[in-house]
N, C-alpha and C. Protein backbone atom coordinates (compact mmCIF):
# COMPACT_ATOMS: atom_id res chain seq x y z
N MET A 1 13.97 9.56 42.18
CA MET A 1 14.46 9.55 40.82
C MET A 1 13.29 9.88 39.88
N SER A 2 13.47 10.86 39.04
CA SER A 2 12.42 11.31 38.13
C SER A 2 12.42 10.47 36.85
N LEU A 3 11.23 10.20 36.36
CA LEU A 3 11.10 9.48 35.10
C LEU A 3 10.98 10.44 33.92
N GLU A 4 10.92 11.72 34.18
CA GLU A 4 10.84 12.74 33.13
C GLU A 4 12.19 12.85 32.43
N PRO A 5 12.21 13.03 31.11
CA PRO A 5 13.48 13.21 30.42
C PRO A 5 14.13 14.53 30.80
N ALA A 6 15.43 14.59 30.64
CA ALA A 6 16.15 15.84 30.87
C ALA A 6 15.57 16.90 29.93
N PRO A 7 15.66 18.19 30.30
CA PRO A 7 15.01 19.23 29.50
C PRO A 7 15.36 19.23 28.02
N HIS A 8 16.57 18.82 27.67
CA HIS A 8 16.97 18.86 26.27
C HIS A 8 17.21 17.46 25.69
N ALA A 9 16.82 16.42 26.41
CA ALA A 9 17.03 15.06 25.94
C ALA A 9 16.03 14.71 24.84
N ALA A 10 16.51 13.97 23.86
CA ALA A 10 15.64 13.52 22.78
C ALA A 10 14.63 12.51 23.33
N VAL A 11 13.43 12.55 22.78
CA VAL A 11 12.37 11.63 23.16
C VAL A 11 11.94 10.89 21.89
N ARG A 12 12.14 9.60 21.87
CA ARG A 12 11.79 8.78 20.71
C ARG A 12 10.47 8.08 20.99
N ARG A 13 9.51 8.27 20.09
CA ARG A 13 8.20 7.64 20.24
C ARG A 13 7.95 6.71 19.06
N VAL A 14 7.59 5.48 19.36
CA VAL A 14 7.28 4.51 18.32
C VAL A 14 5.81 4.66 17.93
N VAL A 15 5.57 4.75 16.64
CA VAL A 15 4.22 4.78 16.09
C VAL A 15 4.01 3.42 15.41
N GLY A 16 3.14 2.62 16.00
CA GLY A 16 2.91 1.28 15.49
C GLY A 16 1.99 1.26 14.30
N ILE A 17 1.78 0.07 13.76
CA ILE A 17 0.85 -0.12 12.66
C ILE A 17 -0.54 0.29 13.13
N ALA A 18 -1.23 1.07 12.29
CA ALA A 18 -2.58 1.57 12.58
C ALA A 18 -2.59 2.55 13.74
N GLU A 19 -1.50 3.31 13.88
CA GLU A 19 -1.41 4.34 14.92
C GLU A 19 -0.99 5.66 14.29
N LEU A 20 -1.26 6.73 15.03
CA LEU A 20 -0.75 8.04 14.67
C LEU A 20 -0.39 8.77 15.94
N ALA A 21 0.50 9.74 15.80
CA ALA A 21 0.91 10.55 16.94
C ALA A 21 1.24 11.95 16.44
N VAL A 22 0.98 12.94 17.29
CA VAL A 22 1.34 14.32 17.01
C VAL A 22 2.01 14.91 18.24
N SER A 23 2.82 15.94 18.01
CA SER A 23 3.48 16.62 19.12
C SER A 23 3.96 17.99 18.66
N ASP A 24 4.08 18.89 19.64
CA ASP A 24 4.72 20.18 19.38
C ASP A 24 5.96 20.34 20.25
N ASP A 25 6.54 19.21 20.65
CA ASP A 25 7.76 19.19 21.44
C ASP A 25 8.93 18.90 20.50
N PRO A 26 9.83 19.85 20.27
CA PRO A 26 10.93 19.65 19.31
C PRO A 26 11.90 18.54 19.72
N ARG A 27 11.84 18.08 20.96
CA ARG A 27 12.71 16.98 21.38
C ARG A 27 12.24 15.64 20.82
N VAL A 28 11.01 15.59 20.35
CA VAL A 28 10.40 14.32 19.93
C VAL A 28 10.85 13.92 18.53
N SER A 29 11.12 12.64 18.39
CA SER A 29 11.23 12.04 17.06
C SER A 29 10.30 10.83 17.06
N PHE A 30 9.59 10.67 15.96
CA PHE A 30 8.70 9.53 15.78
C PHE A 30 9.41 8.51 14.91
N VAL A 31 9.21 7.25 15.21
CA VAL A 31 9.76 6.18 14.38
C VAL A 31 8.68 5.14 14.16
N THR A 32 8.63 4.60 12.94
CA THR A 32 7.72 3.52 12.63
C THR A 32 8.46 2.48 11.80
N TYR A 33 8.10 1.23 12.04
CA TYR A 33 8.82 0.10 11.46
C TYR A 33 7.91 -0.70 10.52
N ALA A 34 8.54 -1.52 9.70
CA ALA A 34 7.87 -2.54 8.90
C ALA A 34 6.85 -1.97 7.93
N LEU A 35 7.24 -0.93 7.21
CA LEU A 35 6.38 -0.40 6.16
C LEU A 35 6.58 -1.25 4.91
N GLY A 36 5.69 -2.20 4.71
CA GLY A 36 5.68 -2.98 3.48
C GLY A 36 4.68 -2.32 2.55
N SER A 37 3.47 -2.85 2.54
CA SER A 37 2.40 -2.21 1.77
C SER A 37 1.79 -1.04 2.54
N CYS A 38 2.07 -0.98 3.83
CA CYS A 38 1.59 0.15 4.66
C CYS A 38 2.28 1.44 4.22
N VAL A 39 1.70 2.56 4.63
CA VAL A 39 2.23 3.87 4.26
C VAL A 39 2.39 4.73 5.50
N ALA A 40 3.50 5.45 5.58
CA ALA A 40 3.71 6.45 6.62
C ALA A 40 3.60 7.83 6.00
N VAL A 41 2.87 8.71 6.68
CA VAL A 41 2.77 10.11 6.28
C VAL A 41 3.29 10.94 7.44
N ALA A 42 4.31 11.75 7.15
CA ALA A 42 4.86 12.69 8.12
C ALA A 42 4.45 14.09 7.70
N ALA A 43 3.92 14.87 8.63
CA ALA A 43 3.52 16.25 8.34
C ALA A 43 4.15 17.15 9.39
N TRP A 44 4.84 18.22 8.95
CA TRP A 44 5.64 19.05 9.84
C TRP A 44 5.36 20.53 9.60
N ALA A 45 5.20 21.25 10.70
CA ALA A 45 5.05 22.71 10.66
C ALA A 45 6.37 23.32 11.15
N PRO A 46 7.23 23.78 10.23
CA PRO A 46 8.58 24.23 10.60
C PRO A 46 8.62 25.33 11.65
N ALA A 47 7.78 26.33 11.54
CA ALA A 47 7.84 27.45 12.48
C ALA A 47 7.45 27.04 13.90
N ARG A 48 6.71 25.97 14.02
CA ARG A 48 6.24 25.51 15.33
C ARG A 48 7.02 24.32 15.87
N CYS A 49 7.86 23.70 15.02
CA CYS A 49 8.49 22.42 15.38
C CYS A 49 7.44 21.43 15.85
N ALA A 50 6.32 21.44 15.15
CA ALA A 50 5.21 20.54 15.47
C ALA A 50 4.99 19.63 14.27
N GLY A 51 4.50 18.45 14.56
CA GLY A 51 4.23 17.55 13.46
C GLY A 51 3.58 16.28 13.93
N GLY A 52 3.34 15.41 12.96
CA GLY A 52 2.72 14.14 13.29
C GLY A 52 3.08 13.09 12.27
N LEU A 53 2.84 11.85 12.66
CA LEU A 53 3.14 10.70 11.81
C LEU A 53 2.03 9.69 11.95
N ILE A 54 1.60 9.14 10.82
CA ILE A 54 0.64 8.04 10.80
C ILE A 54 1.26 6.87 10.05
N HIS A 55 0.90 5.66 10.48
CA HIS A 55 1.29 4.42 9.81
C HIS A 55 -0.02 3.69 9.51
N PHE A 56 -0.55 3.90 8.30
CA PHE A 56 -1.82 3.24 7.97
C PHE A 56 -1.58 2.00 7.12
N MET A 57 -2.57 1.10 7.18
CA MET A 57 -2.41 -0.22 6.59
C MET A 57 -3.27 -0.48 5.36
N LEU A 58 -4.46 0.12 5.33
CA LEU A 58 -5.43 -0.16 4.27
C LEU A 58 -6.01 1.14 3.72
N PRO A 59 -6.47 1.12 2.46
CA PRO A 59 -6.96 2.36 1.87
C PRO A 59 -8.34 2.81 2.34
N LEU A 60 -9.29 1.88 2.44
CA LEU A 60 -10.69 2.26 2.67
C LEU A 60 -11.28 1.59 3.90
N SER A 61 -12.02 2.36 4.65
CA SER A 61 -12.64 1.88 5.88
C SER A 61 -14.03 1.27 5.67
N LYS A 62 -14.66 1.50 4.53
CA LYS A 62 -16.07 1.13 4.38
C LYS A 62 -16.32 -0.38 4.51
N ALA A 63 -15.33 -1.21 4.24
CA ALA A 63 -15.51 -2.65 4.39
C ALA A 63 -15.52 -3.07 5.86
N MET A 64 -14.96 -2.23 6.73
CA MET A 64 -14.87 -2.56 8.17
C MET A 64 -15.24 -1.33 9.01
N PRO A 65 -16.50 -0.91 8.99
CA PRO A 65 -16.87 0.33 9.68
C PRO A 65 -16.59 0.33 11.19
N LYS A 66 -16.77 -0.81 11.85
CA LYS A 66 -16.48 -0.86 13.30
C LYS A 66 -15.00 -0.64 13.56
N ARG A 67 -14.15 -1.27 12.75
CA ARG A 67 -12.70 -1.09 12.93
C ARG A 67 -12.29 0.37 12.68
N SER A 68 -12.97 1.03 11.75
CA SER A 68 -12.62 2.43 11.47
C SER A 68 -12.99 3.33 12.63
N THR A 69 -13.98 2.93 13.40
CA THR A 69 -14.34 3.69 14.61
C THR A 69 -13.35 3.41 15.72
N ASP A 70 -13.00 2.14 15.91
CA ASP A 70 -12.06 1.74 16.97
C ASP A 70 -10.62 2.11 16.65
N LYS A 71 -10.23 1.99 15.39
CA LYS A 71 -8.84 2.20 14.96
C LYS A 71 -8.81 3.01 13.68
N PRO A 72 -9.16 4.30 13.72
CA PRO A 72 -9.23 5.07 12.48
C PRO A 72 -7.90 5.15 11.74
N ALA A 73 -6.78 5.05 12.44
CA ALA A 73 -5.47 5.14 11.78
C ALA A 73 -5.12 3.88 10.99
N LEU A 74 -5.97 2.87 11.05
CA LEU A 74 -5.77 1.67 10.25
C LEU A 74 -5.97 1.96 8.77
N PHE A 75 -6.80 2.97 8.47
CA PHE A 75 -7.22 3.25 7.10
C PHE A 75 -6.78 4.65 6.66
N ALA A 76 -6.45 4.77 5.37
CA ALA A 76 -6.08 6.07 4.81
C ALA A 76 -7.24 7.06 4.91
N ASP A 77 -8.44 6.62 4.52
CA ASP A 77 -9.56 7.56 4.41
C ASP A 77 -10.07 8.08 5.74
N THR A 78 -9.78 7.40 6.84
CA THR A 78 -10.16 7.91 8.16
C THR A 78 -8.96 8.43 8.94
N GLY A 79 -7.81 7.78 8.78
CA GLY A 79 -6.63 8.14 9.56
C GLY A 79 -5.92 9.40 9.12
N VAL A 80 -5.78 9.59 7.81
CA VAL A 80 -5.05 10.77 7.32
C VAL A 80 -5.80 12.05 7.67
N PRO A 81 -7.12 12.13 7.46
CA PRO A 81 -7.83 13.33 7.91
C PRO A 81 -7.72 13.55 9.42
N LEU A 82 -7.73 12.46 10.19
CA LEU A 82 -7.58 12.58 11.65
C LEU A 82 -6.21 13.14 12.00
N LEU A 83 -5.16 12.70 11.32
CA LEU A 83 -3.81 13.24 11.54
C LEU A 83 -3.83 14.76 11.37
N PHE A 84 -4.42 15.23 10.27
CA PHE A 84 -4.45 16.66 10.01
C PHE A 84 -5.29 17.41 11.05
N ARG A 85 -6.43 16.84 11.43
CA ARG A 85 -7.26 17.49 12.46
C ARG A 85 -6.50 17.63 13.78
N ARG A 86 -5.76 16.60 14.14
CA ARG A 86 -4.97 16.68 15.39
C ARG A 86 -3.86 17.72 15.27
N LEU A 87 -3.27 17.86 14.10
CA LEU A 87 -2.25 18.90 13.91
C LEU A 87 -2.88 20.29 14.00
N TYR A 88 -4.10 20.44 13.50
CA TYR A 88 -4.79 21.73 13.58
C TYR A 88 -5.04 22.11 15.04
N THR A 89 -5.28 21.12 15.91
CA THR A 89 -5.49 21.43 17.33
C THR A 89 -4.21 21.95 17.99
N LEU A 90 -3.06 21.68 17.37
CA LEU A 90 -1.78 22.22 17.86
C LEU A 90 -1.50 23.61 17.29
N GLY A 91 -2.43 24.12 16.48
CA GLY A 91 -2.25 25.44 15.89
C GLY A 91 -1.65 25.43 14.50
N CYS A 92 -1.41 24.25 13.95
CA CYS A 92 -0.85 24.14 12.60
C CYS A 92 -1.94 24.46 11.57
N SER A 93 -1.50 24.96 10.42
CA SER A 93 -2.43 25.15 9.31
C SER A 93 -1.97 24.27 8.15
N LYS A 94 -2.90 23.88 7.32
CA LYS A 94 -2.59 23.01 6.19
C LYS A 94 -1.52 23.64 5.29
N GLU A 95 -1.61 24.95 5.11
CA GLU A 95 -0.69 25.65 4.19
C GLU A 95 0.77 25.60 4.64
N GLU A 96 1.00 25.51 5.95
CA GLU A 96 2.38 25.50 6.43
C GLU A 96 2.99 24.11 6.53
N LEU A 97 2.18 23.07 6.41
CA LEU A 97 2.67 21.72 6.63
C LEU A 97 3.52 21.22 5.46
N VAL A 98 4.66 20.65 5.82
CA VAL A 98 5.54 19.98 4.86
C VAL A 98 5.25 18.48 5.01
N VAL A 99 4.78 17.87 3.94
CA VAL A 99 4.31 16.48 3.99
C VAL A 99 5.26 15.58 3.22
N LYS A 100 5.62 14.47 3.86
CA LYS A 100 6.50 13.47 3.24
C LYS A 100 5.88 12.09 3.43
N VAL A 101 6.08 11.21 2.44
CA VAL A 101 5.39 9.92 2.39
C VAL A 101 6.40 8.82 2.11
N ALA A 102 6.22 7.68 2.79
CA ALA A 102 7.06 6.50 2.51
C ALA A 102 6.22 5.24 2.65
N GLY A 103 6.62 4.22 1.90
CA GLY A 103 5.95 2.92 1.99
C GLY A 103 5.20 2.59 0.71
N GLY A 104 4.12 1.83 0.87
CA GLY A 104 3.30 1.46 -0.28
C GLY A 104 3.98 0.47 -1.20
N GLY A 105 4.80 -0.41 -0.64
CA GLY A 105 5.50 -1.39 -1.45
C GLY A 105 4.65 -2.59 -1.81
N ARG A 106 5.26 -3.46 -2.58
CA ARG A 106 4.61 -4.71 -3.00
C ARG A 106 5.58 -5.83 -2.69
N LEU A 107 5.56 -6.27 -1.45
CA LEU A 107 6.55 -7.23 -0.98
C LEU A 107 6.24 -8.67 -1.33
N LEU A 108 4.98 -9.02 -1.49
CA LEU A 108 4.61 -10.42 -1.65
C LEU A 108 4.29 -10.81 -3.09
N GLY A 109 4.39 -9.89 -4.02
CA GLY A 109 4.03 -10.21 -5.40
C GLY A 109 2.53 -10.39 -5.51
N GLY A 110 2.09 -11.31 -6.34
CA GLY A 110 0.67 -11.59 -6.46
C GLY A 110 -0.01 -10.72 -7.50
N SER A 111 -1.32 -10.84 -7.56
CA SER A 111 -2.10 -10.13 -8.58
C SER A 111 -2.23 -8.65 -8.26
N ASP A 112 -2.63 -7.90 -9.28
CA ASP A 112 -2.83 -6.47 -9.09
C ASP A 112 -3.93 -6.19 -8.07
N GLU A 113 -4.93 -7.09 -7.98
CA GLU A 113 -6.01 -6.92 -7.01
C GLU A 113 -5.50 -6.96 -5.59
N LEU A 114 -4.42 -7.69 -5.35
CA LEU A 114 -3.87 -7.82 -4.01
C LEU A 114 -2.77 -6.81 -3.74
N ASP A 115 -2.52 -5.92 -4.67
CA ASP A 115 -1.46 -4.92 -4.50
C ASP A 115 -1.96 -3.79 -3.58
N VAL A 116 -1.97 -4.10 -2.29
CA VAL A 116 -2.49 -3.15 -1.31
C VAL A 116 -1.64 -1.88 -1.27
N GLY A 117 -0.34 -2.01 -1.45
CA GLY A 117 0.53 -0.84 -1.43
C GLY A 117 0.13 0.20 -2.47
N SER A 118 -0.10 -0.24 -3.69
CA SER A 118 -0.52 0.69 -4.75
C SER A 118 -1.88 1.29 -4.45
N ARG A 119 -2.79 0.47 -3.93
CA ARG A 119 -4.12 0.99 -3.57
C ARG A 119 -4.03 2.01 -2.44
N ASN A 120 -3.13 1.76 -1.48
CA ASN A 120 -2.92 2.74 -0.41
C ASN A 120 -2.42 4.07 -0.97
N LEU A 121 -1.47 4.00 -1.89
CA LEU A 121 -0.92 5.22 -2.47
C LEU A 121 -1.95 5.94 -3.34
N GLU A 122 -2.76 5.19 -4.07
CA GLU A 122 -3.83 5.81 -4.87
C GLU A 122 -4.82 6.55 -3.98
N MET A 123 -5.21 5.94 -2.87
CA MET A 123 -6.14 6.60 -1.96
C MET A 123 -5.51 7.84 -1.36
N LEU A 124 -4.25 7.75 -0.98
CA LEU A 124 -3.56 8.90 -0.40
C LEU A 124 -3.49 10.04 -1.42
N ASP A 125 -3.14 9.72 -2.66
CA ASP A 125 -3.09 10.74 -3.70
C ASP A 125 -4.47 11.38 -3.91
N TYR A 126 -5.51 10.56 -3.88
CA TYR A 126 -6.88 11.08 -4.01
C TYR A 126 -7.21 12.04 -2.86
N LEU A 127 -6.92 11.61 -1.64
CA LEU A 127 -7.21 12.47 -0.47
C LEU A 127 -6.45 13.79 -0.55
N PHE A 128 -5.18 13.72 -0.92
CA PHE A 128 -4.37 14.94 -0.99
C PHE A 128 -4.81 15.84 -2.14
N ALA A 129 -5.17 15.27 -3.28
CA ALA A 129 -5.64 16.08 -4.41
C ALA A 129 -6.95 16.78 -4.03
N ARG A 130 -7.83 16.05 -3.39
CA ARG A 130 -9.13 16.61 -2.98
C ARG A 130 -8.97 17.74 -1.97
N SER A 131 -7.93 17.65 -1.14
CA SER A 131 -7.71 18.64 -0.09
C SER A 131 -6.61 19.64 -0.42
N ALA A 132 -6.08 19.59 -1.62
CA ALA A 132 -5.01 20.49 -2.06
C ALA A 132 -3.79 20.44 -1.13
N VAL A 133 -3.37 19.22 -0.79
CA VAL A 133 -2.17 19.01 0.02
C VAL A 133 -1.06 18.59 -0.92
N GLU A 134 0.06 19.30 -0.85
CA GLU A 134 1.21 18.95 -1.69
C GLU A 134 2.17 18.07 -0.90
N VAL A 135 2.74 17.08 -1.59
CA VAL A 135 3.73 16.20 -0.98
C VAL A 135 5.11 16.69 -1.39
N ALA A 136 5.95 16.98 -0.39
CA ALA A 136 7.28 17.51 -0.64
C ALA A 136 8.27 16.43 -1.08
N ALA A 137 8.10 15.20 -0.57
CA ALA A 137 9.03 14.12 -0.91
C ALA A 137 8.35 12.77 -0.70
N ARG A 138 8.81 11.79 -1.48
CA ARG A 138 8.26 10.44 -1.41
C ARG A 138 9.38 9.41 -1.53
N ASP A 139 9.19 8.30 -0.85
CA ASP A 139 9.98 7.09 -1.06
C ASP A 139 8.97 5.95 -1.02
N VAL A 140 8.42 5.60 -2.19
CA VAL A 140 7.27 4.70 -2.23
C VAL A 140 7.47 3.60 -3.27
N GLY A 141 6.62 2.57 -3.14
CA GLY A 141 6.61 1.48 -4.10
C GLY A 141 7.77 0.53 -3.89
N GLY A 142 8.05 -0.22 -4.93
CA GLY A 142 9.16 -1.17 -4.87
C GLY A 142 8.81 -2.42 -4.08
N THR A 143 9.84 -3.17 -3.74
CA THR A 143 9.67 -4.46 -3.07
C THR A 143 10.46 -4.55 -1.78
N VAL A 144 10.63 -3.41 -1.11
CA VAL A 144 11.41 -3.39 0.13
C VAL A 144 10.56 -2.89 1.29
N SER A 145 10.91 -3.38 2.47
CA SER A 145 10.31 -2.88 3.70
C SER A 145 11.11 -1.66 4.16
N ARG A 146 10.44 -0.74 4.82
CA ARG A 146 11.09 0.50 5.24
C ARG A 146 10.84 0.79 6.72
N THR A 147 11.79 1.50 7.30
CA THR A 147 11.64 2.11 8.62
C THR A 147 11.76 3.61 8.41
N VAL A 148 10.90 4.37 9.10
CA VAL A 148 10.91 5.83 8.96
C VAL A 148 11.14 6.46 10.32
N GLU A 149 12.06 7.43 10.38
CA GLU A 149 12.24 8.24 11.58
C GLU A 149 12.05 9.71 11.19
N PHE A 150 11.25 10.42 11.99
CA PHE A 150 10.86 11.79 11.72
C PHE A 150 11.19 12.65 12.94
N LYS A 151 12.12 13.61 12.77
CA LYS A 151 12.57 14.47 13.87
C LYS A 151 11.84 15.81 13.81
N LEU A 152 11.12 16.14 14.87
CA LEU A 152 10.34 17.38 14.88
C LEU A 152 11.22 18.63 14.93
N ALA A 153 12.39 18.54 15.53
CA ALA A 153 13.24 19.73 15.64
C ALA A 153 13.70 20.23 14.27
N THR A 154 13.91 19.30 13.33
CA THR A 154 14.46 19.67 12.03
C THR A 154 13.54 19.36 10.85
N GLY A 155 12.54 18.52 11.08
CA GLY A 155 11.69 18.07 9.99
C GLY A 155 12.32 16.97 9.16
N GLU A 156 13.49 16.52 9.57
CA GLU A 156 14.19 15.47 8.85
C GLU A 156 13.41 14.16 8.90
N VAL A 157 13.21 13.57 7.72
CA VAL A 157 12.58 12.25 7.62
C VAL A 157 13.62 11.33 6.99
N CYS A 158 14.03 10.34 7.77
CA CYS A 158 15.03 9.38 7.33
C CYS A 158 14.34 8.05 7.05
N VAL A 159 14.56 7.52 5.86
CA VAL A 159 14.00 6.22 5.48
C VAL A 159 15.15 5.22 5.45
N ARG A 160 14.98 4.13 6.20
CA ARG A 160 16.00 3.08 6.22
C ARG A 160 15.42 1.82 5.58
N SER A 161 16.23 1.20 4.72
CA SER A 161 15.82 -0.02 4.06
C SER A 161 17.04 -0.78 3.59
N ARG A 162 17.09 -2.06 3.91
CA ARG A 162 18.19 -2.92 3.49
C ARG A 162 19.56 -2.35 3.82
N GLY A 163 19.68 -1.82 5.03
CA GLY A 163 20.95 -1.29 5.50
C GLY A 163 21.36 0.05 4.96
N LYS A 164 20.50 0.69 4.19
CA LYS A 164 20.81 2.01 3.62
C LYS A 164 19.84 3.03 4.19
N GLU A 165 20.30 4.28 4.26
CA GLU A 165 19.48 5.39 4.73
C GLU A 165 19.34 6.43 3.64
N ARG A 166 18.17 7.05 3.61
CA ARG A 166 17.90 8.12 2.65
C ARG A 166 17.09 9.19 3.34
N LEU A 167 17.52 10.44 3.20
CA LEU A 167 16.73 11.56 3.73
C LEU A 167 15.72 12.01 2.68
N LEU A 168 14.50 12.22 3.14
CA LEU A 168 13.46 12.75 2.24
C LEU A 168 13.43 14.26 2.35
């Protein structure tokens, strides 16, 4: 009995907190859960049916340099560039990538200093502005947790929250 999926069977891959994944297999869909203050970035190359997804937790790695080496996807400033570099190894170019973003909420309230979601989004905006990356769609902020599913065959990014679904 083979453990390989059927040639046309969908393959669902979970991307956990502080993880990223890329693929050029159109059967793949990536899913990530529990986006509170964390942020998911999906990047897709339509002509190649290639793409990747990151679920990062914190904006800056400089406070924890060892963790950024061990787990670069934990941080926006190390993980997002790594996501793009891995997509480039699949033959993708920055110009062809369709980028969608979800998360960055403020679920626990508290002071502005503790608003990690907003800080994550600010860092992401800074990184994208510096690299001339345009974001095609966003579902960010607010006080809800999100689940994101990203299908490489179509580029569809579905955000689920509180029993509702929204396509980005």
